Amino acid sequence: MGLFLGIDTSNYTTSAALYDSDRDCLCGRRQLLPVREGELGLRQSDAVFHHVRQLPDVLEQLLAERQRELGAVAASSRPRQAEGSYMPCFLAGVGLAREFSALLTLPCHLFSHQQGHVAAAAYGADRLEWLRKPLLAFHVSGGTTDALLVEPDGETVIRCSAVAGSLDLKAGQLVDRVGRMLGLPFPAGPQLDRLAQQAVGSYRPRPSLKEGSCSLSGVENQCRAWKEKGLPDEEIALFCLESLYVAPDGMAGALRERFGPLPLLFAGGVMANTLLREKLSQKYGGAFAPPELSADNACGIALLCAVREEGWLRIRV
């Protein structure tokens, strides 16, 4: 009864994970969706197609290690816990989870992709106990730059309510656009990180904030202008990442004035960046997942499935 399967089919990655609540063992398998050179993502129809192709391989690798029967299955069914939140790519994972449920007579639970990110970050940072009380979380990825009020919820384990965000470009979009500008492959995050570490300049950009939310489009325009003027690529990369740092920094300060000194949890692929992790952890003492649990993964979905079935008493906190 203590083995739980989670499935996540985002617009970037096919992933599945198993959580064993008896041994507190979490393992996952993931495969990036193929993106043609020079492109910054996939159409939803192409993402669904690639998920259908990749899910059997991912699950075969994962379930080959299974040592007992499953107790329940779960999938991410939408990007956020918000009215109208929808992306077709999640249908591939939901359909497979429902098939598992029907074939094996298992409970099937649906969560948002964002809930999965928050749960995976809390687990990876050894801060699961934070999910039992209100906290502030940043979900910063290719499609999201959200500041969330996360609260315990009897029906969905945790409820993630957006309280601030980006007013234009998402952080991951900025990273990938600047990366393409500099000739880096998609997704550009890891390469941009390494490139920035070669820079020698010092930059102190100011955040563009409005009522606690940020704007990032001006950063892209500045990077393009400097590229046209011949500024070295590594300096542009560093400026881009410094600008990404001041956005959540400014948002976090505003949110703590609004909600008080709640714990800060940082999730999402962009938060795997070296500079962001170092500066935000030093200033706020925030918790970060290890990089493998920052990127899109199904580990948080498997964990939430376990909590939904067994409650917190069976889960390490």
Protein backbone atom coordinates (compact mmCIF):
# COMPACT_ATOMS: atom_id res chain seq x y z
CA MET A 1 0.00 0.00 0.00
CA GLY A 2 3.01 2.30 0.40
CA LEU A 3 4.02 2.70 -3.26
CA PHE A 4 2.64 5.63 -5.26
CA LEU A 5 3.07 6.56 -8.94
CA GLY A 6 3.15 10.15 -10.19
CA ILE A 7 3.06 11.28 -13.83
CA ASP A 8 3.83 14.75 -15.20
CA THR A 9 3.66 15.73 -18.87
CA SER A 10 4.68 19.39 -19.08
CA ASN A 11 5.50 21.39 -22.18
CA TYR A 12 9.18 20.55 -21.66
CA THR A 13 9.53 17.09 -20.11
CA THR A 14 7.97 13.64 -19.90
CA SER A 15 8.40 12.38 -16.35
CA ALA A 16 7.21 9.72 -13.91
CA ALA A 17 8.15 8.96 -10.30
CA LEU A 18 7.56 6.43 -7.53
CA TYR A 19 7.35 7.30 -3.85
CA ASP A 20 7.67 4.51 -1.27
CA SER A 21 6.25 5.83 1.99
CA ASP A 22 7.45 2.81 3.97
CA ARG A 23 11.09 3.47 3.10
CA ASP A 24 10.80 7.20 2.34
CA CYS A 25 12.30 6.46 -1.07
CA LEU A 26 11.59 8.73 -4.03
CA CYS A 27 12.87 7.92 -7.52
CA GLY A 28 12.01 9.39 -10.88
CA ARG A 29 12.69 9.14 -14.59
CA ARG A 30 12.42 11.99 -17.05
CA GLN A 31 13.02 12.71 -20.72
CA LEU A 32 13.12 16.14 -22.34
CA LEU A 33 10.82 16.75 -25.28
CA PRO A 34 12.78 17.19 -28.52
CA VAL A 35 12.95 20.78 -29.79
CA ARG A 36 14.38 21.66 -33.19
CA GLU A 37 17.52 23.77 -33.29
CA GLY A 38 16.74 27.47 -33.22
CA GLU A 39 13.24 27.03 -31.78
CA LEU A 40 12.17 28.02 -28.26
CA GLY A 41 9.61 25.34 -27.51
CA LEU A 42 6.89 23.19 -29.02
CA ARG A 43 3.35 23.60 -30.22
CA GLN A 44 0.93 21.85 -27.89
CA SER A 45 -0.03 19.30 -30.55
CA ASP A 46 3.64 18.36 -30.96
CA ALA A 47 4.14 18.17 -27.19
CA VAL A 48 1.21 15.75 -26.83
CA PHE A 49 2.60 13.61 -29.67
CA HIS A 50 6.06 13.39 -28.09
CA HIS A 51 4.61 12.56 -24.67
CA VAL A 52 2.65 9.67 -26.18
CA ARG A 53 5.88 8.39 -27.74
CA GLN A 54 8.07 8.88 -24.65
CA LEU A 55 5.79 7.81 -21.82
CA PRO A 56 6.19 4.04 -22.45
CA ASP A 57 10.00 4.29 -22.30
CA VAL A 58 9.98 6.46 -19.17
CA LEU A 59 7.52 4.16 -17.36
CA GLU A 60 9.29 0.96 -18.42
CA GLN A 61 12.54 2.28 -16.94
CA LEU A 62 10.83 3.40 -13.74
CA LEU A 63 8.58 0.40 -13.11
CA ALA A 64 11.36 -2.08 -13.78
CA GLU A 65 12.62 -1.14 -10.30
CA ARG A 66 9.22 -1.65 -8.64
CA GLN A 67 9.27 -4.21 -5.85
CA ARG A 68 5.59 -4.23 -4.84
CA GLU A 69 2.11 -3.35 -6.07
CA LEU A 70 1.00 0.25 -6.43
CA GLY A 71 -1.30 1.81 -3.87
CA ALA A 72 -2.49 4.76 -5.98
CA VAL A 73 -1.63 6.82 -9.06
CA ALA A 74 -1.65 10.57 -9.71
CA ALA A 75 -0.96 12.99 -12.54
CA SER A 76 -0.61 16.70 -13.12
CA SER A 77 -3.74 17.80 -14.97
CA ARG A 78 -3.19 21.56 -15.47
CA PRO A 79 -0.51 24.21 -14.97
CA ARG A 80 -1.99 25.97 -11.91
CA GLN A 81 -4.78 25.76 -9.35
CA ALA A 82 -6.71 28.53 -11.03
CA GLU A 83 -9.95 28.85 -12.94
CA GLY A 84 -9.35 28.24 -16.63
CA SER A 85 -5.81 26.92 -16.22
CA TYR A 86 -5.33 24.42 -19.04
CA MET A 87 -2.71 23.04 -21.41
CA PRO A 88 -3.35 20.07 -23.74
CA CYS A 89 0.06 18.50 -23.00
CA PHE A 90 -1.19 17.40 -19.58
CA LEU A 91 -3.91 15.27 -21.18
CA ALA A 92 -1.29 12.63 -22.07
CA GLY A 93 -0.38 12.05 -18.42
CA VAL A 94 -3.96 12.27 -17.14
CA GLY A 95 -5.13 9.71 -19.68
CA LEU A 96 -2.42 7.26 -18.72
CA ALA A 97 -3.09 7.72 -15.00
CA ARG A 98 -6.78 7.02 -15.52
CA GLU A 99 -5.92 3.89 -17.51
CA PHE A 100 -3.69 2.64 -14.68
CA SER A 101 -6.49 3.39 -12.24
CA ALA A 102 -9.13 1.51 -14.22
CA LEU A 103 -6.93 -1.48 -15.08
CA LEU A 104 -5.52 -1.98 -11.57
CA THR A 105 -8.53 -0.68 -9.60
CA LEU A 106 -6.46 2.07 -7.98
CA PRO A 107 -7.39 5.50 -6.64
CA CYS A 108 -6.44 8.25 -9.08
CA HIS A 109 -5.63 11.79 -7.92
CA LEU A 110 -5.08 14.91 -10.02
CA PHE A 111 -2.92 17.85 -9.01
CA SER A 112 -1.57 20.92 -10.75
CA HIS A 113 1.91 21.01 -12.23
CA GLN A 114 2.65 23.90 -9.87
CA GLN A 115 1.67 21.88 -6.79
CA GLY A 116 4.12 19.21 -7.94
CA HIS A 117 6.94 21.72 -8.21
CA VAL A 118 6.31 23.07 -4.72
CA ALA A 119 6.12 19.60 -3.17
CA ALA A 120 9.28 18.43 -4.98
CA ALA A 121 11.18 21.52 -3.82
CA ALA A 122 10.07 21.03 -0.21
CA TYR A 123 11.11 17.37 -0.30
CA GLY A 124 14.45 18.06 -1.97
CA ALA A 125 15.25 20.87 0.48
CA ASP A 126 14.30 18.65 3.45
CA ARG A 127 11.53 21.09 4.36
CA LEU A 128 8.41 18.94 4.03
CA GLU A 129 7.20 20.17 7.41
CA TRP A 130 6.80 23.63 5.85
CA LEU A 131 3.86 22.33 3.79
CA ARG A 132 1.81 21.84 6.93
CA LYS A 133 1.68 25.61 7.57
CA PRO A 134 1.39 28.70 5.32
CA LEU A 135 4.51 29.67 3.38
CA LEU A 136 5.55 31.74 0.38
CA ALA A 137 6.88 29.93 -2.68
CA PHE A 138 8.34 31.16 -5.94
CA HIS A 139 7.69 28.98 -8.99
CA VAL A 140 10.05 30.30 -11.66
CA SER A 141 10.28 28.34 -14.90
CA GLY A 142 9.84 28.51 -18.66
CA GLY A 143 6.12 29.20 -18.45
CA THR A 144 5.75 30.66 -14.96
CA THR A 145 7.08 33.43 -12.78
CA ASP A 146 4.68 33.22 -9.86
CA ALA A 147 4.89 34.11 -6.21
CA LEU A 148 2.52 31.81 -4.32
CA LEU A 149 0.85 31.73 -0.96
CA VAL A 150 0.91 28.01 -0.14
CA GLU A 151 -1.52 26.76 2.49
CA PRO A 152 -2.52 23.30 3.76
CA ASP A 153 -5.72 21.98 2.18
CA GLY A 154 -7.67 18.91 3.21
CA GLU A 155 -8.80 18.09 -0.32
CA THR A 156 -5.71 18.87 -2.39
CA VAL A 157 -2.96 18.60 0.30
CA ILE A 158 -1.71 22.10 -0.49
CA ARG A 159 -3.36 25.08 -2.15
CA CYS A 160 -1.14 27.38 -4.21
CA SER A 161 -2.62 30.84 -4.73
CA ALA A 162 -0.77 33.32 -6.94
CA VAL A 163 -0.19 36.60 -5.10
CA ALA A 164 2.30 38.19 -7.52
CA GLY A 165 4.02 37.36 -10.79
CA SER A 166 5.50 38.66 -14.02
CA LEU A 167 3.47 41.20 -15.95
CA ASP A 168 5.00 40.26 -19.30
CA LEU A 169 7.84 37.80 -20.02
CA LYS A 170 8.28 34.75 -17.81
CA ALA A 171 11.78 34.19 -16.42
CA GLY A 172 12.40 31.06 -18.46
CA GLN A 173 11.27 32.83 -21.63
CA LEU A 174 13.78 35.58 -20.95
CA VAL A 175 16.57 33.06 -20.38
CA ASP A 176 15.80 31.19 -23.59
CA ARG A 177 15.40 34.34 -25.69
CA VAL A 178 18.68 35.76 -24.47
CA GLY A 179 20.24 32.32 -24.92
CA ARG A 180 19.15 32.18 -28.54
CA MET A 181 20.48 35.72 -28.98
CA LEU A 182 23.86 34.41 -27.79
CA GLY A 183 23.74 31.26 -29.92
CA LEU A 184 23.03 28.85 -27.06
CA PRO A 185 20.91 25.70 -27.51
CA PHE A 186 17.41 25.34 -26.03
CA PRO A 187 16.80 25.13 -23.13
CA ALA A 188 19.46 27.75 -22.46
CA GLY A 189 19.49 27.86 -18.65
CA PRO A 190 22.52 25.64 -17.88
CA GLN A 191 24.61 27.14 -20.71
CA LEU A 192 23.72 30.71 -19.74
CA ASP A 193 24.71 29.92 -16.16
CA ARG A 194 28.15 28.63 -17.21
CA LEU A 195 28.67 31.54 -19.59
CA ALA A 196 27.88 34.11 -16.90
CA GLN A 197 30.48 32.58 -14.58
CA GLN A 198 33.15 33.69 -17.08
CA ALA A 199 32.15 37.38 -16.85
CA VAL A 200 34.32 39.94 -15.06
CA GLY A 201 31.90 42.87 -14.95
CA SER A 202 29.71 44.01 -12.07
CA TYR A 203 26.06 44.94 -12.62
CA ARG A 204 23.38 46.28 -10.30
CA PRO A 205 20.17 46.47 -12.31
CA ARG A 206 17.03 47.81 -10.69
CA PRO A 207 13.88 45.70 -10.61
CA SER A 208 10.85 46.86 -12.55
CA LEU A 209 8.01 46.32 -10.05
CA LYS A 210 4.36 47.31 -9.94
CA GLU A 211 2.28 46.44 -6.87
CA GLY A 212 4.61 43.57 -6.02
CA SER A 213 4.74 42.06 -9.52
CA CYS A 214 7.71 42.31 -11.88
CA SER A 215 8.31 43.16 -15.53
CA LEU A 216 11.12 41.47 -17.47
CA SER A 217 10.69 42.59 -21.07
CA GLY A 218 13.04 45.54 -20.56
CA VAL A 219 15.85 43.12 -19.69
CA GLU A 220 15.54 41.42 -23.07
CA ASN A 221 15.65 44.80 -24.83
CA GLN A 222 18.77 45.84 -22.90
CA CYS A 223 20.52 42.55 -23.68
CA ARG A 224 19.72 42.96 -27.37
CA ALA A 225 21.03 46.52 -27.39
CA TRP A 226 24.29 45.43 -25.75
CA LYS A 227 24.65 42.54 -28.20
CA GLU A 228 24.33 44.98 -31.09
CA LYS A 229 27.01 47.18 -29.50
CA GLY A 230 29.40 44.23 -29.25
CA LEU A 231 29.42 43.62 -25.49
CA PRO A 232 30.94 40.17 -24.81
CA ASP A 233 28.42 37.35 -24.54
CA GLU A 234 29.48 36.41 -21.02
CA GLU A 235 28.79 39.96 -19.80
CA ILE A 236 25.32 39.93 -21.36
CA ALA A 237 24.66 36.58 -19.72
CA LEU A 238 25.67 37.94 -16.30
CA PHE A 239 23.55 41.06 -16.70
CA CYS A 240 20.57 38.90 -17.65
CA LEU A 241 20.93 36.72 -14.55
CA GLU A 242 21.57 39.68 -12.24
CA SER A 243 18.35 41.19 -13.60
CA LEU A 244 16.54 37.94 -12.92
CA TYR A 245 17.80 38.01 -9.35
CA VAL A 246 16.52 41.49 -8.52
CA ALA A 247 12.99 40.58 -9.69
CA PRO A 248 12.24 37.85 -7.10
CA ASP A 249 14.35 39.78 -4.58
CA GLY A 250 12.10 42.81 -4.89
CA MET A 251 8.96 40.68 -4.95
CA ALA A 252 10.02 38.76 -1.84
CA GLY A 253 10.61 41.97 0.08
CA ALA A 254 7.17 43.30 -0.87
CA LEU A 255 5.45 40.02 -0.01
CA ARG A 256 7.07 39.77 3.40
CA GLU A 257 5.76 43.23 4.18
CA ARG A 258 2.31 42.02 3.15
CA PHE A 259 2.24 38.53 4.71
CA GLY A 260 4.90 38.70 7.38
CA PRO A 261 8.08 36.61 7.76
CA LEU A 262 6.74 33.38 6.27
CA PRO A 263 9.28 30.76 5.10
CA LEU A 264 10.42 31.18 1.50
CA LEU A 265 10.63 28.19 -0.84
CA PHE A 266 12.06 28.46 -4.36
CA ALA A 267 10.96 26.01 -7.07
CA GLY A 268 11.13 25.64 -10.84
CA GLY A 269 13.86 25.12 -13.40
CA VAL A 270 15.14 28.71 -13.40
CA MET A 271 15.81 28.41 -9.68
CA ALA A 272 18.51 25.84 -10.41
CA ASN A 273 20.70 28.77 -11.49
CA THR A 274 23.86 29.17 -9.41
CA LEU A 275 23.72 32.96 -9.02
CA LEU A 276 20.04 33.04 -8.04
CA ARG A 277 20.44 30.26 -5.49
CA GLU A 278 23.47 31.84 -3.82
CA LYS A 279 22.08 35.37 -3.57
CA LEU A 280 18.52 34.50 -2.54
CA SER A 281 19.60 31.93 0.05
CA GLN A 282 22.09 34.38 1.57
CA LYS A 283 19.56 37.20 1.82
CA TYR A 284 16.41 35.33 2.83
CA GLY A 285 17.56 31.97 4.13
CA GLY A 286 15.17 30.47 1.61
CA ALA A 287 15.07 26.79 0.77
CA PHE A 288 15.88 25.39 -2.68
CA ALA A 289 15.45 21.97 -4.18
CA PRO A 290 18.55 20.31 -5.64
CA PRO A 291 18.78 21.06 -9.37
CA GLU A 292 17.32 17.69 -10.41
CA LEU A 293 14.16 18.47 -8.43
CA SER A 294 14.01 22.08 -9.61
CA ALA A 295 13.48 21.15 -13.26
CA ASP A 296 10.18 19.64 -14.39
CA ASN A 297 9.67 16.27 -12.73
CA ALA A 298 6.92 13.99 -11.40
CA CYS A 299 8.42 13.50 -7.93
CA GLY A 300 6.20 16.06 -6.26
CA ILE A 301 3.11 14.51 -7.86
CA ALA A 302 4.04 11.06 -6.49
CA LEU A 303 4.64 12.56 -3.05
CA LEU A 304 1.30 14.41 -3.05
CA CYS A 305 -0.40 11.18 -4.09
CA ALA A 306 1.07 9.46 -1.04
CA VAL A 307 -0.03 12.22 1.33
CA ARG A 308 -3.52 12.26 -0.22
CA GLU A 309 -3.84 8.51 0.42
CA GLU A 310 -2.04 8.10 3.73
CA GLY A 311 -1.89 11.53 5.34
CA TRP A 312 1.22 13.17 6.78
CA LEU A 313 1.71 10.60 9.55
CA ARG A 314 3.20 8.09 7.11
CA ILE A 315 5.41 10.66 5.36
CA ARG A 316 8.77 11.95 6.57
CA VAL A 317 8.38 15.47 7.97
